[in-house]
């Protein structure tokens, strides 16, 4: 008999501990089987709605982040291509610069001379 009583007490204590892991309906003025907070059903539903909204927002933010990372990667690759092209372009030597300056001066002088001749 004592053995049966101990077994029943152990089962009852384990059952009450197990109810803390799963939601249990508590009516007003009933003692709670475990420690914690008691919230209304409406508050619980609102929390669940908020959680799904937050999950959707996080998913959208992660998608946007992936898009920006892809865009930045493309921009970096494009900039690298243009940077390489600029570095590989042929630079003018000093004599070429003098030659082009001289040609510009001669052409400008010829245009000015022609304009003065036409207006007189």
C-alpha atoms as a PDB file:
ATOM      1  CA  UNK A   1       0.000   0.000   0.000  1.00  0.00           C
ATOM      2  CA  UNK A   2       2.780   2.410   0.890  1.00  0.00           C
ATOM      3  CA  UNK A   3       4.540   1.541  -2.330  1.00  0.00           C
ATOM      4  CA  UNK A   4       1.403   2.355  -4.343  1.00  0.00           C
ATOM      5  CA  UNK A   5       0.991   5.673  -2.509  1.00  0.00           C
ATOM      6  CA  UNK A   6       4.583   6.684  -3.294  1.00  0.00           C
ATOM      7  CA  UNK A   7       4.124   5.782  -6.961  1.00  0.00           C
ATOM      8  CA  UNK A   8       0.903   7.811  -7.147  1.00  0.00           C
ATOM      9  CA  UNK A   9       2.586  10.806  -5.486  1.00  0.00           C
ATOM     10  CA  UNK A  10       5.538  10.607  -7.885  1.00  0.00           C
ATOM     11  CA  UNK A  11       3.251  10.408 -10.904  1.00  0.00           C
ATOM     12  CA  UNK A  12       1.165  13.327  -9.621  1.00  0.00           C
ATOM     13  CA  UNK A  13       4.247  15.473  -8.985  1.00  0.00           C
ATOM     14  CA  UNK A  14       5.683  14.658 -12.425  1.00  0.00           C
ATOM     15  CA  UNK A  15       2.339  15.372 -14.066  1.00  0.00           C
ATOM     16  CA  UNK A  16       2.150  18.805 -12.453  1.00  0.00           C
ATOM     17  CA  UNK A  17       5.711  19.561 -13.521  1.00  0.00           C
ATOM     18  CA  UNK A  18       4.880  18.430 -17.043  1.00  0.00           C
ATOM     19  CA  UNK A  19       1.964  20.862 -17.264  1.00  0.00           C
ATOM     20  CA  UNK A  20       4.405  23.756 -17.092  1.00  0.00           C
ATOM     21  CA  UNK A  21       5.873  22.719 -20.439  1.00  0.00           C
ATOM     22  CA  UNK A  22       2.564  22.810 -22.250  1.00  0.00           C
ATOM     23  CA  UNK A  23      -0.022  25.603 -22.145  1.00  0.00           C
ATOM     24  CA  UNK A  24      -2.726  24.996 -19.578  1.00  0.00           C
ATOM     25  CA  UNK A  25      -6.026  26.823 -19.332  1.00  0.00           C
ATOM     26  CA  UNK A  26      -6.304  28.593 -15.994  1.00  0.00           C
ATOM     27  CA  UNK A  27      -9.631  29.958 -14.842  1.00  0.00           C
ATOM     28  CA  UNK A  28      -9.990  32.986 -12.641  1.00  0.00           C
ATOM     29  CA  UNK A  29      -9.116  32.359  -8.976  1.00  0.00           C
ATOM     30  CA  UNK A  30      -7.544  28.973  -9.823  1.00  0.00           C
ATOM     31  CA  UNK A  31      -3.947  28.416  -8.671  1.00  0.00           C
ATOM     32  CA  UNK A  32      -1.372  28.154 -11.399  1.00  0.00           C
ATOM     33  CA  UNK A  33       0.513  24.857 -11.698  1.00  0.00           C
ATOM     34  CA  UNK A  34       3.807  26.664 -12.354  1.00  0.00           C
ATOM     35  CA  UNK A  35       5.570  30.010 -11.916  1.00  0.00           C
ATOM     36  CA  UNK A  36       5.426  32.667 -14.610  1.00  0.00           C
ATOM     37  CA  UNK A  37       3.198  35.350 -16.081  1.00  0.00           C
ATOM     38  CA  UNK A  38      -0.474  35.081 -16.840  1.00  0.00           C
ATOM     39  CA  UNK A  39      -1.694  36.974 -19.885  1.00  0.00           C
ATOM     40  CA  UNK A  40      -5.076  37.211 -21.508  1.00  0.00           C
ATOM     41  CA  UNK A  41      -5.962  35.325 -24.667  1.00  0.00           C
ATOM     42  CA  UNK A  42      -6.219  38.614 -26.606  1.00  0.00           C
ATOM     43  CA  UNK A  43      -2.731  39.636 -25.488  1.00  0.00           C
ATOM     44  CA  UNK A  44      -1.375  36.236 -26.508  1.00  0.00           C
ATOM     45  CA  UNK A  45      -2.988  36.555 -29.956  1.00  0.00           C
ATOM     46  CA  UNK A  46      -1.542  40.056 -30.364  1.00  0.00           C
ATOM     47  CA  UNK A  47       1.914  38.790 -29.402  1.00  0.00           C
ATOM     48  CA  UNK A  48       1.618  35.995 -31.967  1.00  0.00           C
ATOM     49  CA  UNK A  49       0.573  38.511 -34.655  1.00  0.00           C
ATOM     50  CA  UNK A  50       3.501  40.752 -33.721  1.00  0.00           C
ATOM     51  CA  UNK A  51       5.919  37.823 -33.892  1.00  0.00           C
ATOM     52  CA  UNK A  52       4.766  36.908 -37.414  1.00  0.00           C
ATOM     53  CA  UNK A  53       5.069  40.573 -38.464  1.00  0.00           C
ATOM     54  CA  UNK A  54       8.599  40.718 -37.065  1.00  0.00           C
ATOM     55  CA  UNK A  55       9.542  37.491 -38.836  1.00  0.00           C
ATOM     56  CA  UNK A  56       8.246  38.877 -42.150  1.00  0.00           C
ATOM     57  CA  UNK A  57      10.109  42.149 -41.567  1.00  0.00           C
ATOM     58  CA  UNK A  58      13.329  40.293 -40.804  1.00  0.00           C
ATOM     59  CA  UNK A  59      12.904  38.174 -43.958  1.00  0.00           C
ATOM     60  CA  UNK A  60      12.365  41.337 -46.035  1.00  0.00           C
ATOM     61  CA  UNK A  61      15.416  42.979 -44.491  1.00  0.00           C
ATOM     62  CA  UNK A  62      17.558  39.926 -45.212  1.00  0.00           C
ATOM     63  CA  UNK A  63      16.349  39.916 -48.834  1.00  0.00           C
ATOM     64  CA  UNK A  64      17.120  43.636 -49.150  1.00  0.00           C
ATOM     65  CA  UNK A  65      20.554  43.083 -47.638  1.00  0.00           C
ATOM     66  CA  UNK A  66      21.304  40.353 -50.200  1.00  0.00           C
ATOM     67  CA  UNK A  67      20.183  42.693 -52.992  1.00  0.00           C
ATOM     68  CA  UNK A  68      22.458  45.478 -51.747  1.00  0.00           C
ATOM     69  CA  UNK A  69      25.384  43.082 -51.375  1.00  0.00           C
ATOM     70  CA  UNK A  70      24.874  41.916 -54.975  1.00  0.00           C
ATOM     71  CA  UNK A  71      24.666  45.508 -56.190  1.00  0.00           C
ATOM     72  CA  UNK A  72      27.793  46.515 -54.262  1.00  0.00           C
ATOM     73  CA  UNK A  73      29.692  43.522 -55.618  1.00  0.00           C
ATOM     74  CA  UNK A  74      28.700  44.468 -59.181  1.00  0.00           C
ATOM     75  CA  UNK A  75      29.704  48.109 -58.586  1.00  0.00           C
ATOM     76  CA  UNK A  76      33.074  47.076 -57.162  1.00  0.00           C
ATOM     77  CA  UNK A  77      33.761  44.808 -60.132  1.00  0.00           C
ATOM     78  CA  UNK A  78      32.784  47.557 -62.576  1.00  0.00           C
ATOM     79  CA  UNK A  79      34.984  50.093 -60.795  1.00  0.00           C
ATOM     80  CA  UNK A  80      37.873  47.629 -60.877  1.00  0.00           C
ATOM     81  CA  UNK A  81      37.470  47.213 -64.659  1.00  0.00           C
ATOM     82  CA  UNK A  82      37.474  50.985 -65.225  1.00  0.00           C
ATOM     83  CA  UNK A  83      40.403  51.437 -62.856  1.00  0.00           C
ATOM     84  CA  UNK A  84      42.421  48.850 -64.790  1.00  0.00           C
ATOM     85  CA  UNK A  85      41.514  50.507 -68.104  1.00  0.00           C
ATOM     86  CA  UNK A  86      42.646  53.904 -66.836  1.00  0.00           C
ATOM     87  CA  UNK A  87      45.925  52.512 -65.566  1.00  0.00           C
ATOM     88  CA  UNK A  88      46.637  50.773 -68.860  1.00  0.00           C
ATOM     89  CA  UNK A  89      45.895  53.791 -71.054  1.00  0.00           C
ATOM     90  CA  UNK A  90      48.874  55.357 -72.774  1.00  0.00           C
ATOM     91  CA  UNK A  91      49.967  58.595 -71.133  1.00  0.00           C
ATOM     92  CA  UNK A  92      51.201  61.468 -73.273  1.00  0.00           C
ATOM     93  CA  UNK A  93      54.917  62.174 -73.168  1.00  0.00           C
ATOM     94  CA  UNK A  94      56.212  65.700 -72.603  1.00  0.00           C
ATOM     95  CA  UNK A  95      56.964  66.178 -76.339  1.00  0.00           C
ATOM     96  CA  UNK A  96      53.472  65.105 -77.309  1.00  0.00           C
ATOM     97  CA  UNK A  97      52.015  67.603 -74.843  1.00  0.00           C
ATOM     98  CA  UNK A  98      54.149  70.407 -76.323  1.00  0.00           C
ATOM     99  CA  UNK A  99      53.165  69.383 -79.851  1.00  0.00           C
ATOM    100  CA  UNK A 100      49.429  69.378 -79.056  1.00  0.00           C
ATOM    101  CA  UNK A 101      49.726  72.716 -77.257  1.00  0.00           C
ATOM    102  CA  UNK A 102      51.523  74.207 -80.236  1.00  0.00           C
ATOM    103  CA  UNK A 103      48.920  72.883 -82.667  1.00  0.00           C
ATOM    104  CA  UNK A 104      46.138  74.354 -80.512  1.00  0.00           C
ATOM    105  CA  UNK A 105      47.901  77.713 -80.405  1.00  0.00           C
ATOM    106  CA  UNK A 106      48.375  77.733 -84.208  1.00  0.00           C
ATOM    107  CA  UNK A 107      44.745  76.814 -84.888  1.00  0.00           C
ATOM    108  CA  UNK A 108      43.498  79.451 -82.453  1.00  0.00           C
ATOM    109  CA  UNK A 109      45.781  82.044 -84.036  1.00  0.00           C
ATOM    110  CA  UNK A 110      44.548  81.138 -87.537  1.00  0.00           C
ATOM    111  CA  UNK A 111      40.925  81.458 -86.448  1.00  0.00           C
ATOM    112  CA  UNK A 112      41.605  84.828 -84.799  1.00  0.00           C
ATOM    113  CA  UNK A 113      43.465  86.058 -87.915  1.00  0.00           C
ATOM    114  CA  UNK A 114      40.612  84.949 -90.184  1.00  0.00           C
ATOM    115  CA  UNK A 115      38.028  86.611 -87.976  1.00  0.00           C
ATOM    116  CA  UNK A 116      39.949  89.926 -87.908  1.00  0.00           C
ATOM    117  CA  UNK A 117      40.419  89.859 -91.692  1.00  0.00           C
ATOM    118  CA  UNK A 118      36.721  89.206 -92.270  1.00  0.00           C
ATOM    119  CA  UNK A 119      35.490  91.922 -89.934  1.00  0.00           C
ATOM    120  CA  UNK A 120      37.721  94.729 -91.348  1.00  0.00           C
END
